[in-house]
């Protein structure tokens, strides 16, 4: 029996994670002037590995009080959003470095585009195989 998930490989999960990372980075850039905002990101490689292995998270935070909120996100393949360590202290406690965030955003966008091209080539190959070309 034909398995589409196996035929497409890890690329659908990678595209989803790249789009989620774009949202996180865009939120960082949008909040560059918000006092006290803490820049966030997640480890893409760890999230992809977790998503490829049935979404099992590598580590869980221990919730010791009923009011604690888990930082995990199932859409991130079990990865956890992490706060970015600032490179330079800010008086208003904002940790967003706009130039670095823009560079990360552009890098992520290029990887997203490459992932979509890989997916397109996989679909093209499958269509050719089904047609018998």
C-alpha atoms as a PDB file:
ATOM      1  CA  UNK A   1       0.000   0.000   0.000  1.00  0.00           C
ATOM      2  CA  UNK A   2       1.199   3.489  -0.848  1.00  0.00           C
ATOM      3  CA  UNK A   3       2.081   5.685   2.151  1.00  0.00           C
ATOM      4  CA  UNK A   4       2.071   9.412   1.345  1.00  0.00           C
ATOM      5  CA  UNK A   5       3.733  10.338   4.647  1.00  0.00           C
ATOM      6  CA  UNK A   6       6.629   8.033   3.865  1.00  0.00           C
ATOM      7  CA  UNK A   7       6.871   9.306   0.290  1.00  0.00           C
ATOM      8  CA  UNK A   8       7.046  12.965   1.346  1.00  0.00           C
ATOM      9  CA  UNK A   9       9.518  12.341   4.146  1.00  0.00           C
ATOM     10  CA  UNK A  10      10.147  14.961   6.778  1.00  0.00           C
ATOM     11  CA  UNK A  11       9.414  17.933   4.500  1.00  0.00           C
ATOM     12  CA  UNK A  12       5.774  18.578   5.565  1.00  0.00           C
ATOM     13  CA  UNK A  13       6.829  18.739   9.227  1.00  0.00           C
ATOM     14  CA  UNK A  14       9.770  20.965   8.303  1.00  0.00           C
ATOM     15  CA  UNK A  15       7.498  23.374   6.402  1.00  0.00           C
ATOM     16  CA  UNK A  16       5.092  23.571   9.338  1.00  0.00           C
ATOM     17  CA  UNK A  17       7.910  24.185  11.819  1.00  0.00           C
ATOM     18  CA  UNK A  18       9.460  26.827   9.557  1.00  0.00           C
ATOM     19  CA  UNK A  19       6.120  28.668   9.367  1.00  0.00           C
ATOM     20  CA  UNK A  20       5.713  28.485  13.157  1.00  0.00           C
ATOM     21  CA  UNK A  21       9.239  29.798  13.634  1.00  0.00           C
ATOM     22  CA  UNK A  22       8.444  32.680  11.264  1.00  0.00           C
ATOM     23  CA  UNK A  23       5.489  33.572  13.511  1.00  0.00           C
ATOM     24  CA  UNK A  24       7.695  33.529  16.628  1.00  0.00           C
ATOM     25  CA  UNK A  25      10.392  35.665  14.985  1.00  0.00           C
ATOM     26  CA  UNK A  26       7.797  38.098  13.606  1.00  0.00           C
ATOM     27  CA  UNK A  27       6.352  38.482  17.107  1.00  0.00           C
ATOM     28  CA  UNK A  28       9.838  39.283  18.384  1.00  0.00           C
ATOM     29  CA  UNK A  29      10.313  41.976  15.733  1.00  0.00           C
ATOM     30  CA  UNK A  30       6.828  43.401  16.332  1.00  0.00           C
ATOM     31  CA  UNK A  31       7.555  43.719  20.056  1.00  0.00           C
ATOM     32  CA  UNK A  32      10.990  45.301  19.685  1.00  0.00           C
ATOM     33  CA  UNK A  33       9.812  48.463  21.446  1.00  0.00           C
ATOM     34  CA  UNK A  34       7.647  46.785  24.087  1.00  0.00           C
ATOM     35  CA  UNK A  35       9.173  47.300  27.539  1.00  0.00           C
ATOM     36  CA  UNK A  36       9.935  44.024  29.290  1.00  0.00           C
ATOM     37  CA  UNK A  37       9.306  41.851  26.218  1.00  0.00           C
ATOM     38  CA  UNK A  38      11.518  38.768  26.159  1.00  0.00           C
ATOM     39  CA  UNK A  39      12.570  37.529  22.714  1.00  0.00           C
ATOM     40  CA  UNK A  40      11.667  33.884  22.130  1.00  0.00           C
ATOM     41  CA  UNK A  41      12.680  31.156  19.737  1.00  0.00           C
ATOM     42  CA  UNK A  42      12.914  27.372  19.562  1.00  0.00           C
ATOM     43  CA  UNK A  43      15.548  24.922  18.428  1.00  0.00           C
ATOM     44  CA  UNK A  44      14.387  24.008  14.925  1.00  0.00           C
ATOM     45  CA  UNK A  45      16.568  20.896  14.648  1.00  0.00           C
ATOM     46  CA  UNK A  46      15.326  19.499  17.972  1.00  0.00           C
ATOM     47  CA  UNK A  47      11.729  20.274  17.032  1.00  0.00           C
ATOM     48  CA  UNK A  48      12.109  18.558  13.664  1.00  0.00           C
ATOM     49  CA  UNK A  49      13.710  15.501  15.253  1.00  0.00           C
ATOM     50  CA  UNK A  50      10.887  15.339  17.789  1.00  0.00           C
ATOM     51  CA  UNK A  51       8.252  15.756  15.056  1.00  0.00           C
ATOM     52  CA  UNK A  52       9.878  13.030  12.974  1.00  0.00           C
ATOM     53  CA  UNK A  53       9.816  10.689  15.991  1.00  0.00           C
ATOM     54  CA  UNK A  54       6.043  10.826  16.502  1.00  0.00           C
ATOM     55  CA  UNK A  55       6.197  14.203  18.225  1.00  0.00           C
ATOM     56  CA  UNK A  56       7.729  12.954  21.447  1.00  0.00           C
ATOM     57  CA  UNK A  57       9.338  15.859  23.319  1.00  0.00           C
ATOM     58  CA  UNK A  58      12.931  15.426  24.376  1.00  0.00           C
ATOM     59  CA  UNK A  59      12.342  16.923  27.812  1.00  0.00           C
ATOM     60  CA  UNK A  60       9.393  18.088  29.872  1.00  0.00           C
ATOM     61  CA  UNK A  61       9.212  20.810  32.461  1.00  0.00           C
ATOM     62  CA  UNK A  62       7.998  19.740  35.860  1.00  0.00           C
ATOM     63  CA  UNK A  63       4.762  21.519  36.789  1.00  0.00           C
ATOM     64  CA  UNK A  64       4.814  21.828  40.580  1.00  0.00           C
ATOM     65  CA  UNK A  65       1.787  24.111  40.995  1.00  0.00           C
ATOM     66  CA  UNK A  66      -1.658  23.911  39.375  1.00  0.00           C
ATOM     67  CA  UNK A  67      -1.230  27.436  37.994  1.00  0.00           C
ATOM     68  CA  UNK A  68       1.937  26.602  36.040  1.00  0.00           C
ATOM     69  CA  UNK A  69       1.603  26.746  32.297  1.00  0.00           C
ATOM     70  CA  UNK A  70       3.485  24.328  30.074  1.00  0.00           C
ATOM     71  CA  UNK A  71       5.692  26.058  27.502  1.00  0.00           C
ATOM     72  CA  UNK A  72       5.506  23.123  25.107  1.00  0.00           C
ATOM     73  CA  UNK A  73       3.550  23.476  21.901  1.00  0.00           C
ATOM     74  CA  UNK A  74       2.295  20.428  20.048  1.00  0.00           C
ATOM     75  CA  UNK A  75       2.459  22.404  16.802  1.00  0.00           C
ATOM     76  CA  UNK A  76       6.199  22.713  17.379  1.00  0.00           C
ATOM     77  CA  UNK A  77       6.648  18.970  17.489  1.00  0.00           C
ATOM     78  CA  UNK A  78       7.028  18.986  21.242  1.00  0.00           C
ATOM     79  CA  UNK A  79       9.735  21.645  21.226  1.00  0.00           C
ATOM     80  CA  UNK A  80       9.676  24.320  23.849  1.00  0.00           C
ATOM     81  CA  UNK A  81       9.804  28.023  23.203  1.00  0.00           C
ATOM     82  CA  UNK A  82      12.866  29.393  24.904  1.00  0.00           C
ATOM     83  CA  UNK A  83      13.821  32.909  25.867  1.00  0.00           C
ATOM     84  CA  UNK A  84      16.739  34.349  23.938  1.00  0.00           C
ATOM     85  CA  UNK A  85      19.786  35.460  25.896  1.00  0.00           C
ATOM     86  CA  UNK A  86      20.336  39.163  25.175  1.00  0.00           C
ATOM     87  CA  UNK A  87      23.649  40.266  23.704  1.00  0.00           C
ATOM     88  CA  UNK A  88      23.380  43.712  25.239  1.00  0.00           C
ATOM     89  CA  UNK A  89      21.496  44.854  28.331  1.00  0.00           C
ATOM     90  CA  UNK A  90      18.529  47.164  27.882  1.00  0.00           C
ATOM     91  CA  UNK A  91      17.127  49.666  30.364  1.00  0.00           C
ATOM     92  CA  UNK A  92      13.549  48.578  29.693  1.00  0.00           C
ATOM     93  CA  UNK A  93      14.404  44.837  30.006  1.00  0.00           C
ATOM     94  CA  UNK A  94      13.506  44.188  26.348  1.00  0.00           C
ATOM     95  CA  UNK A  95      15.759  41.453  24.907  1.00  0.00           C
ATOM     96  CA  UNK A  96      14.935  41.906  21.197  1.00  0.00           C
ATOM     97  CA  UNK A  97      17.884  42.734  18.944  1.00  0.00           C
ATOM     98  CA  UNK A  98      16.033  43.878  15.822  1.00  0.00           C
ATOM     99  CA  UNK A  99      18.907  43.363  13.395  1.00  0.00           C
ATOM    100  CA  UNK A 100      19.617  39.841  14.662  1.00  0.00           C
ATOM    101  CA  UNK A 101      15.907  38.954  14.586  1.00  0.00           C
ATOM    102  CA  UNK A 102      15.577  40.219  11.010  1.00  0.00           C
ATOM    103  CA  UNK A 103      18.595  38.139   9.993  1.00  0.00           C
ATOM    104  CA  UNK A 104      17.062  35.059  11.643  1.00  0.00           C
ATOM    105  CA  UNK A 105      13.742  35.785   9.946  1.00  0.00           C
ATOM    106  CA  UNK A 106      15.351  36.042   6.492  1.00  0.00           C
ATOM    107  CA  UNK A 107      17.390  32.871   7.109  1.00  0.00           C
ATOM    108  CA  UNK A 108      14.248  31.038   8.182  1.00  0.00           C
ATOM    109  CA  UNK A 109      12.371  32.328   5.099  1.00  0.00           C
ATOM    110  CA  UNK A 110      15.100  31.024   2.783  1.00  0.00           C
ATOM    111  CA  UNK A 111      15.005  27.617   4.487  1.00  0.00           C
ATOM    112  CA  UNK A 112      11.204  27.616   4.212  1.00  0.00           C
ATOM    113  CA  UNK A 113      11.428  28.337   0.489  1.00  0.00           C
ATOM    114  CA  UNK A 114      13.955  25.522   0.021  1.00  0.00           C
ATOM    115  CA  UNK A 115      11.694  23.146   1.945  1.00  0.00           C
ATOM    116  CA  UNK A 116       8.766  24.064  -0.290  1.00  0.00           C
ATOM    117  CA  UNK A 117      10.890  23.415  -3.372  1.00  0.00           C
ATOM    118  CA  UNK A 118      11.816  19.975  -2.028  1.00  0.00           C
ATOM    119  CA  UNK A 119       8.134  19.260  -1.418  1.00  0.00           C
ATOM    120  CA  UNK A 120       7.281  20.448  -4.925  1.00  0.00           C
ATOM    121  CA  UNK A 121       9.883  18.130  -6.422  1.00  0.00           C
ATOM    122  CA  UNK A 122       8.548  15.210  -4.354  1.00  0.00           C
ATOM    123  CA  UNK A 123       5.002  15.884  -5.555  1.00  0.00           C
ATOM    124  CA  UNK A 124       6.209  16.254  -9.146  1.00  0.00           C
ATOM    125  CA  UNK A 125       8.024  12.933  -8.898  1.00  0.00           C
ATOM    126  CA  UNK A 126       4.951  11.224  -7.446  1.00  0.00           C
ATOM    127  CA  UNK A 127       2.736  12.623 -10.200  1.00  0.00           C
ATOM    128  CA  UNK A 128       5.177  11.418 -12.851  1.00  0.00           C
ATOM    129  CA  UNK A 129       5.268   7.980 -11.214  1.00  0.00           C
ATOM    130  CA  UNK A 130       1.477   7.732 -11.134  1.00  0.00           C
ATOM    131  CA  UNK A 131       1.212   8.799 -14.773  1.00  0.00           C
ATOM    132  CA  UNK A 132       3.925   6.345 -15.765  1.00  0.00           C
ATOM    133  CA  UNK A 133       6.142   8.988 -17.382  1.00  0.00           C
END
